[in-house]
């Protein structure tokens, strides 16, 4: 059973319902410990007091904020609880917006929101209402000593919550732009054809972390004393010289039926090939 990361009430208008949040996803990585090279023993990080110049235990550590150079004020957990806004217990939906208006760049962390006791009916009402209207909810919630703006989104089976970056946290990069005037119509048609050729349903389970799998295999081989087999490396690709040739070669490699978009020049060539046998057959018959 997943652990609860937040528990409180969700409100929209005068409707209130108890809810719980669970982490919807987390990254998986291979973790390593630091060892002493000489004898492979674990290395511990020692915390030192600068004034006394000696190690101290972690239970002697408190939080402090430097308000002036070298001057600190101590903040304990009770102080932090006193600073908690109402959103620490009540998540109020501020407004509803159309899903297509939200740029995914603002999405941060995902959570499952499930109804707590006696909250099933209003939860179902909100879920189905957002699903049918195409709206997402915007709310505020405080957790982990921070107040977040969150997006409530109806998924297939329930409501997902995404913490959202604030506008001043999303970097504005001048180089992030596209000059579409560089693209010719024929190049664009071929690119569309290639995109259609590579299209398919979204199936997240078919994507694997190859790096993590290779590390697991490497670790297992070392533990068992087997020879480490190095995985194949990608070839260094040459820069694209003729983009039309690159697109055509890509299409030939895919060899998948294309829906909707025709490749320029290929239709006429196909018609010529169809007519060519007929001409030869008539010539043979008259001959």
C-alpha atoms as a PDB file:
ATOM      1  CA  UNK A   1       0.000   0.000   0.000  1.00  0.00           C
ATOM      2  CA  UNK A   2       1.405   3.385  -1.011  1.00  0.00           C
ATOM      3  CA  UNK A   3       2.058   5.887   1.778  1.00  0.00           C
ATOM      4  CA  UNK A   4      -0.109   9.005   2.035  1.00  0.00           C
ATOM      5  CA  UNK A   5       1.773  12.233   1.246  1.00  0.00           C
ATOM      6  CA  UNK A   6      -1.109  14.630   2.046  1.00  0.00           C
ATOM      7  CA  UNK A   7      -4.499  14.311   3.695  1.00  0.00           C
ATOM      8  CA  UNK A   8      -7.204  16.936   3.982  1.00  0.00           C
ATOM      9  CA  UNK A   9     -10.284  18.345   2.280  1.00  0.00           C
ATOM     10  CA  UNK A  10     -10.815  19.376  -1.323  1.00  0.00           C
ATOM     11  CA  UNK A  11     -13.333  22.164  -1.861  1.00  0.00           C
ATOM     12  CA  UNK A  12     -14.962  23.626  -4.950  1.00  0.00           C
ATOM     13  CA  UNK A  13     -17.704  26.158  -4.397  1.00  0.00           C
ATOM     14  CA  UNK A  14     -19.549  24.986  -1.281  1.00  0.00           C
ATOM     15  CA  UNK A  15     -18.764  21.318  -1.944  1.00  0.00           C
ATOM     16  CA  UNK A  16     -16.185  19.744   0.372  1.00  0.00           C
ATOM     17  CA  UNK A  17     -14.836  16.198   0.394  1.00  0.00           C
ATOM     18  CA  UNK A  18     -12.035  14.411   2.279  1.00  0.00           C
ATOM     19  CA  UNK A  19      -9.181  13.218   0.032  1.00  0.00           C
ATOM     20  CA  UNK A  20      -5.719  11.627   0.212  1.00  0.00           C
ATOM     21  CA  UNK A  21      -2.749  12.039  -2.109  1.00  0.00           C
ATOM     22  CA  UNK A  22      -0.362   9.251  -3.136  1.00  0.00           C
ATOM     23  CA  UNK A  23       2.763   9.572  -5.264  1.00  0.00           C
ATOM     24  CA  UNK A  24       1.834   8.572  -8.819  1.00  0.00           C
ATOM     25  CA  UNK A  25       5.365   8.019 -10.132  1.00  0.00           C
ATOM     26  CA  UNK A  26       8.984   8.118  -9.082  1.00  0.00           C
ATOM     27  CA  UNK A  27      12.273   7.764 -10.882  1.00  0.00           C
ATOM     28  CA  UNK A  28      14.199   4.497 -10.533  1.00  0.00           C
ATOM     29  CA  UNK A  29      17.985   4.615 -10.531  1.00  0.00           C
ATOM     30  CA  UNK A  30      20.871   2.364  -9.521  1.00  0.00           C
ATOM     31  CA  UNK A  31      22.282   3.538  -6.175  1.00  0.00           C
ATOM     32  CA  UNK A  32      25.936   3.184  -5.198  1.00  0.00           C
ATOM     33  CA  UNK A  33      27.605   3.419  -1.794  1.00  0.00           C
ATOM     34  CA  UNK A  34      30.881   5.181  -1.145  1.00  0.00           C
ATOM     35  CA  UNK A  35      33.671   2.774  -0.119  1.00  0.00           C
ATOM     36  CA  UNK A  36      37.241   3.116   1.053  1.00  0.00           C
ATOM     37  CA  UNK A  37      39.289   1.977  -1.954  1.00  0.00           C
ATOM     38  CA  UNK A  38      41.852   0.243   0.255  1.00  0.00           C
ATOM     39  CA  UNK A  39      39.512  -2.229   2.016  1.00  0.00           C
ATOM     40  CA  UNK A  40      36.001  -1.714   0.506  1.00  0.00           C
ATOM     41  CA  UNK A  41      34.568  -0.578   3.855  1.00  0.00           C
ATOM     42  CA  UNK A  42      31.660   1.901   3.923  1.00  0.00           C
ATOM     43  CA  UNK A  43      32.525   5.577   4.234  1.00  0.00           C
ATOM     44  CA  UNK A  44      30.415   7.772   6.553  1.00  0.00           C
ATOM     45  CA  UNK A  45      29.884  11.501   6.151  1.00  0.00           C
ATOM     46  CA  UNK A  46      30.949  13.242   9.362  1.00  0.00           C
ATOM     47  CA  UNK A  47      29.162  16.445  10.498  1.00  0.00           C
ATOM     48  CA  UNK A  48      31.515  18.980  12.074  1.00  0.00           C
ATOM     49  CA  UNK A  49      30.842  21.974  14.274  1.00  0.00           C
ATOM     50  CA  UNK A  50      32.913  24.847  12.847  1.00  0.00           C
ATOM     51  CA  UNK A  51      33.216  26.693  16.164  1.00  0.00           C
ATOM     52  CA  UNK A  52      34.267  23.697  18.275  1.00  0.00           C
ATOM     53  CA  UNK A  53      36.069  21.973  15.392  1.00  0.00           C
ATOM     54  CA  UNK A  54      34.771  18.542  16.342  1.00  0.00           C
ATOM     55  CA  UNK A  55      32.242  16.047  14.977  1.00  0.00           C
ATOM     56  CA  UNK A  56      28.691  16.166  16.333  1.00  0.00           C
ATOM     57  CA  UNK A  57      25.700  13.810  16.090  1.00  0.00           C
ATOM     58  CA  UNK A  58      22.841  14.560  13.748  1.00  0.00           C
ATOM     59  CA  UNK A  59      20.326  14.870  16.573  1.00  0.00           C
ATOM     60  CA  UNK A  60      22.198  18.030  17.665  1.00  0.00           C
ATOM     61  CA  UNK A  61      21.412  19.746  14.362  1.00  0.00           C
ATOM     62  CA  UNK A  62      18.658  22.402  14.112  1.00  0.00           C
ATOM     63  CA  UNK A  63      17.425  24.557  11.223  1.00  0.00           C
ATOM     64  CA  UNK A  64      18.786  28.071  10.974  1.00  0.00           C
ATOM     65  CA  UNK A  65      18.284  31.019   8.611  1.00  0.00           C
ATOM     66  CA  UNK A  66      21.140  33.446   7.934  1.00  0.00           C
ATOM     67  CA  UNK A  67      19.505  36.913   8.094  1.00  0.00           C
ATOM     68  CA  UNK A  68      22.876  38.713   8.186  1.00  0.00           C
ATOM     69  CA  UNK A  69      26.415  37.598   7.444  1.00  0.00           C
ATOM     70  CA  UNK A  70      27.260  35.110  10.200  1.00  0.00           C
ATOM     71  CA  UNK A  71      24.005  35.805  12.097  1.00  0.00           C
ATOM     72  CA  UNK A  72      21.384  33.024  12.284  1.00  0.00           C
ATOM     73  CA  UNK A  73      17.912  32.660  13.707  1.00  0.00           C
ATOM     74  CA  UNK A  74      16.854  29.128  14.730  1.00  0.00           C
ATOM     75  CA  UNK A  75      13.568  27.831  13.278  1.00  0.00           C
ATOM     76  CA  UNK A  76      12.094  24.655  14.773  1.00  0.00           C
ATOM     77  CA  UNK A  77       9.283  22.406  13.537  1.00  0.00           C
ATOM     78  CA  UNK A  78       6.677  24.130  15.714  1.00  0.00           C
ATOM     79  CA  UNK A  79       7.575  27.479  14.159  1.00  0.00           C
ATOM     80  CA  UNK A  80       7.158  25.974  10.684  1.00  0.00           C
ATOM     81  CA  UNK A  81       3.747  24.528  11.600  1.00  0.00           C
ATOM     82  CA  UNK A  82       2.614  27.981  12.792  1.00  0.00           C
ATOM     83  CA  UNK A  83       3.519  29.420   9.390  1.00  0.00           C
ATOM     84  CA  UNK A  84       1.415  26.827   7.521  1.00  0.00           C
ATOM     85  CA  UNK A  85      -1.355  28.492   5.429  1.00  0.00           C
ATOM     86  CA  UNK A  86      -4.973  27.185   5.274  1.00  0.00           C
ATOM     87  CA  UNK A  87      -4.008  25.136   2.185  1.00  0.00           C
ATOM     88  CA  UNK A  88      -2.077  22.803   4.507  1.00  0.00           C
ATOM     89  CA  UNK A  89      -5.423  21.186   5.357  1.00  0.00           C
ATOM     90  CA  UNK A  90      -7.858  22.461   2.735  1.00  0.00           C
ATOM     91  CA  UNK A  91      -7.209  22.353  -0.998  1.00  0.00           C
ATOM     92  CA  UNK A  92      -9.567  24.891  -2.595  1.00  0.00           C
ATOM     93  CA  UNK A  93     -10.128  24.894  -6.349  1.00  0.00           C
ATOM     94  CA  UNK A  94      -9.628  28.498  -7.476  1.00  0.00           C
ATOM     95  CA  UNK A  95     -10.907  28.104 -11.029  1.00  0.00           C
ATOM     96  CA  UNK A  96     -11.383  25.695 -13.930  1.00  0.00           C
ATOM     97  CA  UNK A  97      -9.500  26.072 -17.223  1.00  0.00           C
ATOM     98  CA  UNK A  98      -9.563  24.219 -20.521  1.00  0.00           C
ATOM     99  CA  UNK A  99      -6.934  21.478 -20.726  1.00  0.00           C
ATOM    100  CA  UNK A 100      -5.463  22.744 -24.013  1.00  0.00           C
ATOM    101  CA  UNK A 101      -4.602  26.081 -22.368  1.00  0.00           C
ATOM    102  CA  UNK A 102      -2.075  24.502 -19.963  1.00  0.00           C
ATOM    103  CA  UNK A 103       1.460  24.092 -21.296  1.00  0.00           C
ATOM    104  CA  UNK A 104       2.942  20.782 -19.978  1.00  0.00           C
ATOM    105  CA  UNK A 105       6.195  22.629 -19.210  1.00  0.00           C
ATOM    106  CA  UNK A 106       4.500  23.747 -15.977  1.00  0.00           C
ATOM    107  CA  UNK A 107       3.887  20.146 -14.779  1.00  0.00           C
ATOM    108  CA  UNK A 108       6.225  19.068 -11.964  1.00  0.00           C
ATOM    109  CA  UNK A 109       5.254  16.015  -9.832  1.00  0.00           C
ATOM    110  CA  UNK A 110       2.226  13.736 -10.221  1.00  0.00           C
ATOM    111  CA  UNK A 111      -0.040  12.370  -7.473  1.00  0.00           C
ATOM    112  CA  UNK A 112      -3.100  10.163  -7.336  1.00  0.00           C
ATOM    113  CA  UNK A 113      -5.953  11.839  -5.492  1.00  0.00           C
ATOM    114  CA  UNK A 114      -8.411   9.360  -3.961  1.00  0.00           C
ATOM    115  CA  UNK A 115     -11.516  10.025  -1.873  1.00  0.00           C
ATOM    116  CA  UNK A 116     -11.282   9.435   1.865  1.00  0.00           C
ATOM    117  CA  UNK A 117     -14.194   8.090   3.922  1.00  0.00           C
ATOM    118  CA  UNK A 118     -17.592   9.526   2.870  1.00  0.00           C
ATOM    119  CA  UNK A 119     -16.028  11.358  -0.069  1.00  0.00           C
ATOM    120  CA  UNK A 120     -16.829   8.933  -2.899  1.00  0.00           C
ATOM    121  CA  UNK A 121     -19.944  10.629  -4.322  1.00  0.00           C
ATOM    122  CA  UNK A 122     -18.675  14.258  -4.497  1.00  0.00           C
ATOM    123  CA  UNK A 123     -15.371  12.906  -5.819  1.00  0.00           C
ATOM    124  CA  UNK A 124     -17.186  11.037  -8.612  1.00  0.00           C
ATOM    125  CA  UNK A 125     -19.237  14.146  -9.334  1.00  0.00           C
ATOM    126  CA  UNK A 126     -16.126  16.311  -9.759  1.00  0.00           C
ATOM    127  CA  UNK A 127     -14.317  13.666 -11.820  1.00  0.00           C
ATOM    128  CA  UNK A 128     -17.175  13.118 -14.270  1.00  0.00           C
ATOM    129  CA  UNK A 129     -17.949  16.832 -14.474  1.00  0.00           C
ATOM    130  CA  UNK A 130     -14.375  17.704 -15.468  1.00  0.00           C
ATOM    131  CA  UNK A 131     -14.171  14.766 -17.846  1.00  0.00           C
ATOM    132  CA  UNK A 132     -17.318  15.739 -19.747  1.00  0.00           C
ATOM    133  CA  UNK A 133     -16.593  19.461 -19.910  1.00  0.00           C
ATOM    134  CA  UNK A 134     -12.870  19.162 -20.775  1.00  0.00           C
ATOM    135  CA  UNK A 135     -11.861  21.381 -17.859  1.00  0.00           C
ATOM    136  CA  UNK A 136      -9.031  21.022 -15.347  1.00  0.00           C
ATOM    137  CA  UNK A 137      -9.075  22.453 -11.850  1.00  0.00           C
ATOM    138  CA  UNK A 138      -6.483  24.891 -10.480  1.00  0.00           C
ATOM    139  CA  UNK A 139      -5.994  24.765  -6.708  1.00  0.00           C
ATOM    140  CA  UNK A 140      -3.457  25.488  -3.960  1.00  0.00           C
ATOM    141  CA  UNK A 141      -2.102  22.965  -1.467  1.00  0.00           C
ATOM    142  CA  UNK A 142       0.674  23.212   1.128  1.00  0.00           C
ATOM    143  CA  UNK A 143       2.922  20.201   1.778  1.00  0.00           C
ATOM    144  CA  UNK A 144       6.626  19.545   2.366  1.00  0.00           C
ATOM    145  CA  UNK A 145       7.014  23.078   3.801  1.00  0.00           C
ATOM    146  CA  UNK A 146       5.910  24.732   0.587  1.00  0.00           C
ATOM    147  CA  UNK A 147       2.662  25.931  -0.982  1.00  0.00           C
ATOM    148  CA  UNK A 148       2.051  24.577  -4.467  1.00  0.00           C
ATOM    149  CA  UNK A 149      -0.286  25.514  -7.252  1.00  0.00           C
ATOM    150  CA  UNK A 150      -1.717  22.214  -8.485  1.00  0.00           C
ATOM    151  CA  UNK A 151      -3.615  21.060 -11.546  1.00  0.00           C
ATOM    152  CA  UNK A 152      -6.446  18.564 -11.059  1.00  0.00           C
ATOM    153  CA  UNK A 153      -6.839  16.434 -14.175  1.00  0.00           C
ATOM    154  CA  UNK A 154      -9.417  13.692 -14.835  1.00  0.00           C
ATOM    155  CA  UNK A 155      -7.553  10.549 -15.934  1.00  0.00           C
ATOM    156  CA  UNK A 156      -9.020   7.210 -17.019  1.00  0.00           C
ATOM    157  CA  UNK A 157      -9.818   5.939 -13.520  1.00  0.00           C
ATOM    158  CA  UNK A 158      -9.767   8.976 -11.268  1.00  0.00           C
ATOM    159  CA  UNK A 159      -8.327  12.422 -10.606  1.00  0.00           C
ATOM    160  CA  UNK A 160      -4.607  13.077 -10.978  1.00  0.00           C
ATOM    161  CA  UNK A 161      -2.926  16.053  -9.351  1.00  0.00           C
ATOM    162  CA  UNK A 162       0.166  17.683 -10.824  1.00  0.00           C
ATOM    163  CA  UNK A 163       2.158  20.202  -8.816  1.00  0.00           C
ATOM    164  CA  UNK A 164       2.928  23.142 -11.038  1.00  0.00           C
ATOM    165  CA  UNK A 165       6.010  25.280 -11.470  1.00  0.00           C
ATOM    166  CA  UNK A 166       5.381  28.969 -10.847  1.00  0.00           C
ATOM    167  CA  UNK A 167       5.781  31.270 -13.846  1.00  0.00           C
ATOM    168  CA  UNK A 168       9.048  32.720 -12.484  1.00  0.00           C
ATOM    169  CA  UNK A 169      10.473  29.178 -12.157  1.00  0.00           C
ATOM    170  CA  UNK A 170      10.080  28.383 -15.863  1.00  0.00           C
ATOM    171  CA  UNK A 171      13.168  29.636 -17.669  1.00  0.00           C
ATOM    172  CA  UNK A 172      12.681  31.945 -20.620  1.00  0.00           C
ATOM    173  CA  UNK A 173      15.436  31.155 -23.119  1.00  0.00           C
ATOM    174  CA  UNK A 174      15.873  33.456 -26.107  1.00  0.00           C
ATOM    175  CA  UNK A 175      17.416  30.650 -28.165  1.00  0.00           C
ATOM    176  CA  UNK A 176      14.252  28.555 -27.752  1.00  0.00           C
ATOM    177  CA  UNK A 177      12.523  29.489 -31.011  1.00  0.00           C
ATOM    178  CA  UNK A 178      11.883  28.046 -34.461  1.00  0.00           C
ATOM    179  CA  UNK A 179      12.246  29.701 -37.863  1.00  0.00           C
ATOM    180  CA  UNK A 180       9.690  27.831 -39.980  1.00  0.00           C
ATOM    181  CA  UNK A 181      10.502  29.992 -43.016  1.00  0.00           C
ATOM    182  CA  UNK A 182      13.582  27.741 -43.531  1.00  0.00           C
ATOM    183  CA  UNK A 183      11.339  24.804 -44.443  1.00  0.00           C
ATOM    184  CA  UNK A 184      10.242  24.157 -48.043  1.00  0.00           C
ATOM    185  CA  UNK A 185       6.835  22.688 -48.869  1.00  0.00           C
ATOM    186  CA  UNK A 186       8.252  19.474 -50.363  1.00  0.00           C
ATOM    187  CA  UNK A 187      10.481  18.944 -47.318  1.00  0.00           C
ATOM    188  CA  UNK A 188       7.512  19.476 -45.039  1.00  0.00           C
ATOM    189  CA  UNK A 189       5.403  16.978 -46.993  1.00  0.00           C
ATOM    190  CA  UNK A 190       8.110  14.326 -46.707  1.00  0.00           C
ATOM    191  CA  UNK A 191       8.546  15.070 -43.002  1.00  0.00           C
ATOM    192  CA  UNK A 192       4.787  14.672 -42.467  1.00  0.00           C
ATOM    193  CA  UNK A 193       4.883  11.380 -44.353  1.00  0.00           C
ATOM    194  CA  UNK A 194       7.747  10.116 -42.169  1.00  0.00           C
ATOM    195  CA  UNK A 195       5.913  11.179 -38.994  1.00  0.00           C
ATOM    196  CA  UNK A 196       2.799   9.307 -40.162  1.00  0.00           C
ATOM    197  CA  UNK A 197       4.936   6.253 -40.964  1.00  0.00           C
ATOM    198  CA  UNK A 198       6.325   6.180 -37.423  1.00  0.00           C
ATOM    199  CA  UNK A 199       2.999   6.874 -35.694  1.00  0.00           C
ATOM    200  CA  UNK A 200       1.326   4.417 -33.335  1.00  0.00           C
ATOM    201  CA  UNK A 201      -0.636   4.158 -30.087  1.00  0.00           C
ATOM    202  CA  UNK A 202       1.023   5.347 -26.885  1.00  0.00           C
ATOM    203  CA  UNK A 203       2.161   2.264 -24.941  1.00  0.00           C
ATOM    204  CA  UNK A 204       4.460   3.401 -22.092  1.00  0.00           C
ATOM    205  CA  UNK A 205       5.216  -0.170 -20.988  1.00  0.00           C
ATOM    206  CA  UNK A 206       7.238  -0.848 -24.147  1.00  0.00           C
ATOM    207  CA  UNK A 207       9.872   1.764 -23.223  1.00  0.00           C
ATOM    208  CA  UNK A 208      12.700   0.591 -20.962  1.00  0.00           C
ATOM    209  CA  UNK A 209      15.636   2.269 -19.250  1.00  0.00           C
ATOM    210  CA  UNK A 210      18.467   0.561 -21.160  1.00  0.00           C
ATOM    211  CA  UNK A 211      21.122   2.263 -19.027  1.00  0.00           C
ATOM    212  CA  UNK A 212      19.614   0.838 -15.811  1.00  0.00           C
ATOM    213  CA  UNK A 213      19.247  -2.645 -17.349  1.00  0.00           C
ATOM    214  CA  UNK A 214      22.873  -2.589 -18.515  1.00  0.00           C
ATOM    215  CA  UNK A 215      24.037  -1.531 -15.034  1.00  0.00           C
ATOM    216  CA  UNK A 216      22.048  -4.380 -13.435  1.00  0.00           C
ATOM    217  CA  UNK A 217      23.645  -6.875 -15.839  1.00  0.00           C
ATOM    218  CA  UNK A 218      27.108  -5.435 -15.163  1.00  0.00           C
ATOM    219  CA  UNK A 219      26.617  -5.678 -11.363  1.00  0.00           C
ATOM    220  CA  UNK A 220      25.331  -9.266 -11.616  1.00  0.00           C
ATOM    221  CA  UNK A 221      28.314 -10.259 -13.759  1.00  0.00           C
ATOM    222  CA  UNK A 222      30.770  -8.733 -11.276  1.00  0.00           C
ATOM    223  CA  UNK A 223      29.082 -10.431  -8.297  1.00  0.00           C
ATOM    224  CA  UNK A 224      29.191 -13.820 -10.053  1.00  0.00           C
ATOM    225  CA  UNK A 225      32.733 -13.324 -11.348  1.00  0.00           C
ATOM    226  CA  UNK A 226      31.668 -13.542 -14.976  1.00  0.00           C
ATOM    227  CA  UNK A 227      33.200 -11.655 -17.875  1.00  0.00           C
ATOM    228  CA  UNK A 228      31.513  -8.309 -18.487  1.00  0.00           C
ATOM    229  CA  UNK A 229      30.018  -8.117 -21.974  1.00  0.00           C
ATOM    230  CA  UNK A 230      30.113  -4.570 -23.248  1.00  0.00           C
ATOM    231  CA  UNK A 231      26.842  -3.516 -24.936  1.00  0.00           C
ATOM    232  CA  UNK A 232      27.041  -2.222 -28.519  1.00  0.00           C
ATOM    233  CA  UNK A 233      27.752   1.467 -28.865  1.00  0.00           C
ATOM    234  CA  UNK A 234      25.830   3.754 -31.172  1.00  0.00           C
ATOM    235  CA  UNK A 235      27.634   4.781 -34.322  1.00  0.00           C
ATOM    236  CA  UNK A 236      28.569   8.416 -34.667  1.00  0.00           C
ATOM    237  CA  UNK A 237      26.099   9.919 -37.122  1.00  0.00           C
ATOM    238  CA  UNK A 238      27.247  12.183 -39.924  1.00  0.00           C
ATOM    239  CA  UNK A 239      25.587  15.576 -40.210  1.00  0.00           C
ATOM    240  CA  UNK A 240      22.663  15.834 -42.625  1.00  0.00           C
ATOM    241  CA  UNK A 241      23.829  17.223 -45.963  1.00  0.00           C
ATOM    242  CA  UNK A 242      20.693  16.828 -48.099  1.00  0.00           C
ATOM    243  CA  UNK A 243      17.566  16.777 -45.962  1.00  0.00           C
ATOM    244  CA  UNK A 244      15.389  15.503 -48.847  1.00  0.00           C
ATOM    245  CA  UNK A 245      17.662  12.488 -49.352  1.00  0.00           C
ATOM    246  CA  UNK A 246      17.680  11.839 -45.597  1.00  0.00           C
ATOM    247  CA  UNK A 247      13.877  11.932 -45.484  1.00  0.00           C
ATOM    248  CA  UNK A 248      13.509   9.602 -48.487  1.00  0.00           C
ATOM    249  CA  UNK A 249      16.043   7.140 -47.049  1.00  0.00           C
ATOM    250  CA  UNK A 250      14.200   7.228 -43.721  1.00  0.00           C
ATOM    251  CA  UNK A 251      10.908   6.433 -45.472  1.00  0.00           C
ATOM    252  CA  UNK A 252      12.494   3.552 -47.382  1.00  0.00           C
ATOM    253  CA  UNK A 253      13.831   2.159 -44.100  1.00  0.00           C
ATOM    254  CA  UNK A 254      10.460   2.351 -42.350  1.00  0.00           C
ATOM    255  CA  UNK A 255       8.442   0.760 -45.204  1.00  0.00           C
ATOM    256  CA  UNK A 256       5.174   1.205 -43.363  1.00  0.00           C
ATOM    257  CA  UNK A 257       1.830   2.092 -45.003  1.00  0.00           C
ATOM    258  CA  UNK A 258       1.172   5.787 -44.692  1.00  0.00           C
ATOM    259  CA  UNK A 259      -2.220   7.211 -43.849  1.00  0.00           C
ATOM    260  CA  UNK A 260      -3.409  10.411 -45.472  1.00  0.00           C
ATOM    261  CA  UNK A 261      -0.240  12.168 -46.655  1.00  0.00           C
ATOM    262  CA  UNK A 262       1.290  11.350 -50.056  1.00  0.00           C
ATOM    263  CA  UNK A 263       4.970  11.661 -50.828  1.00  0.00           C
ATOM    264  CA  UNK A 264       5.529  14.102 -53.735  1.00  0.00           C
ATOM    265  CA  UNK A 265       6.624  12.443 -56.939  1.00  0.00           C
ATOM    266  CA  UNK A 266       5.990   8.859 -55.780  1.00  0.00           C
ATOM    267  CA  UNK A 267       2.356   8.753 -56.970  1.00  0.00           C
ATOM    268  CA  UNK A 268       3.290   9.740 -60.533  1.00  0.00           C
ATOM    269  CA  UNK A 269       6.098   7.183 -60.579  1.00  0.00           C
ATOM    270  CA  UNK A 270       3.725   4.465 -59.427  1.00  0.00           C
ATOM    271  CA  UNK A 271       1.252   5.311 -62.195  1.00  0.00           C
ATOM    272  CA  UNK A 272       4.030   5.131 -64.779  1.00  0.00           C
ATOM    273  CA  UNK A 273       5.035   1.686 -63.472  1.00  0.00           C
ATOM    274  CA  UNK A 274       1.445   0.495 -63.731  1.00  0.00           C
ATOM    275  CA  UNK A 275       1.145   1.733 -67.319  1.00  0.00           C
ATOM    276  CA  UNK A 276       4.526   0.324 -68.407  1.00  0.00           C
ATOM    277  CA  UNK A 277       3.552  -3.417 -68.373  1.00  0.00           C
ATOM    278  CA  UNK A 278       0.378  -2.655 -70.325  1.00  0.00           C
ATOM    279  CA  UNK A 279       2.373  -0.938 -73.075  1.00  0.00           C
ATOM    280  CA  UNK A 280       4.764  -3.858 -73.300  1.00  0.00           C
ATOM    281  CA  UNK A 281       1.901  -6.359 -73.471  1.00  0.00           C
ATOM    282  CA  UNK A 282       0.203  -4.469 -76.315  1.00  0.00           C
ATOM    283  CA  UNK A 283       3.498  -4.302 -78.201  1.00  0.00           C
ATOM    284  CA  UNK A 284       4.008  -8.026 -77.761  1.00  0.00           C
ATOM    285  CA  UNK A 285       0.503  -8.773 -78.944  1.00  0.00           C
ATOM    286  CA  UNK A 286       0.875  -6.714 -82.111  1.00  0.00           C
ATOM    287  CA  UNK A 287       4.279  -8.172 -82.717  1.00  0.00           C
END
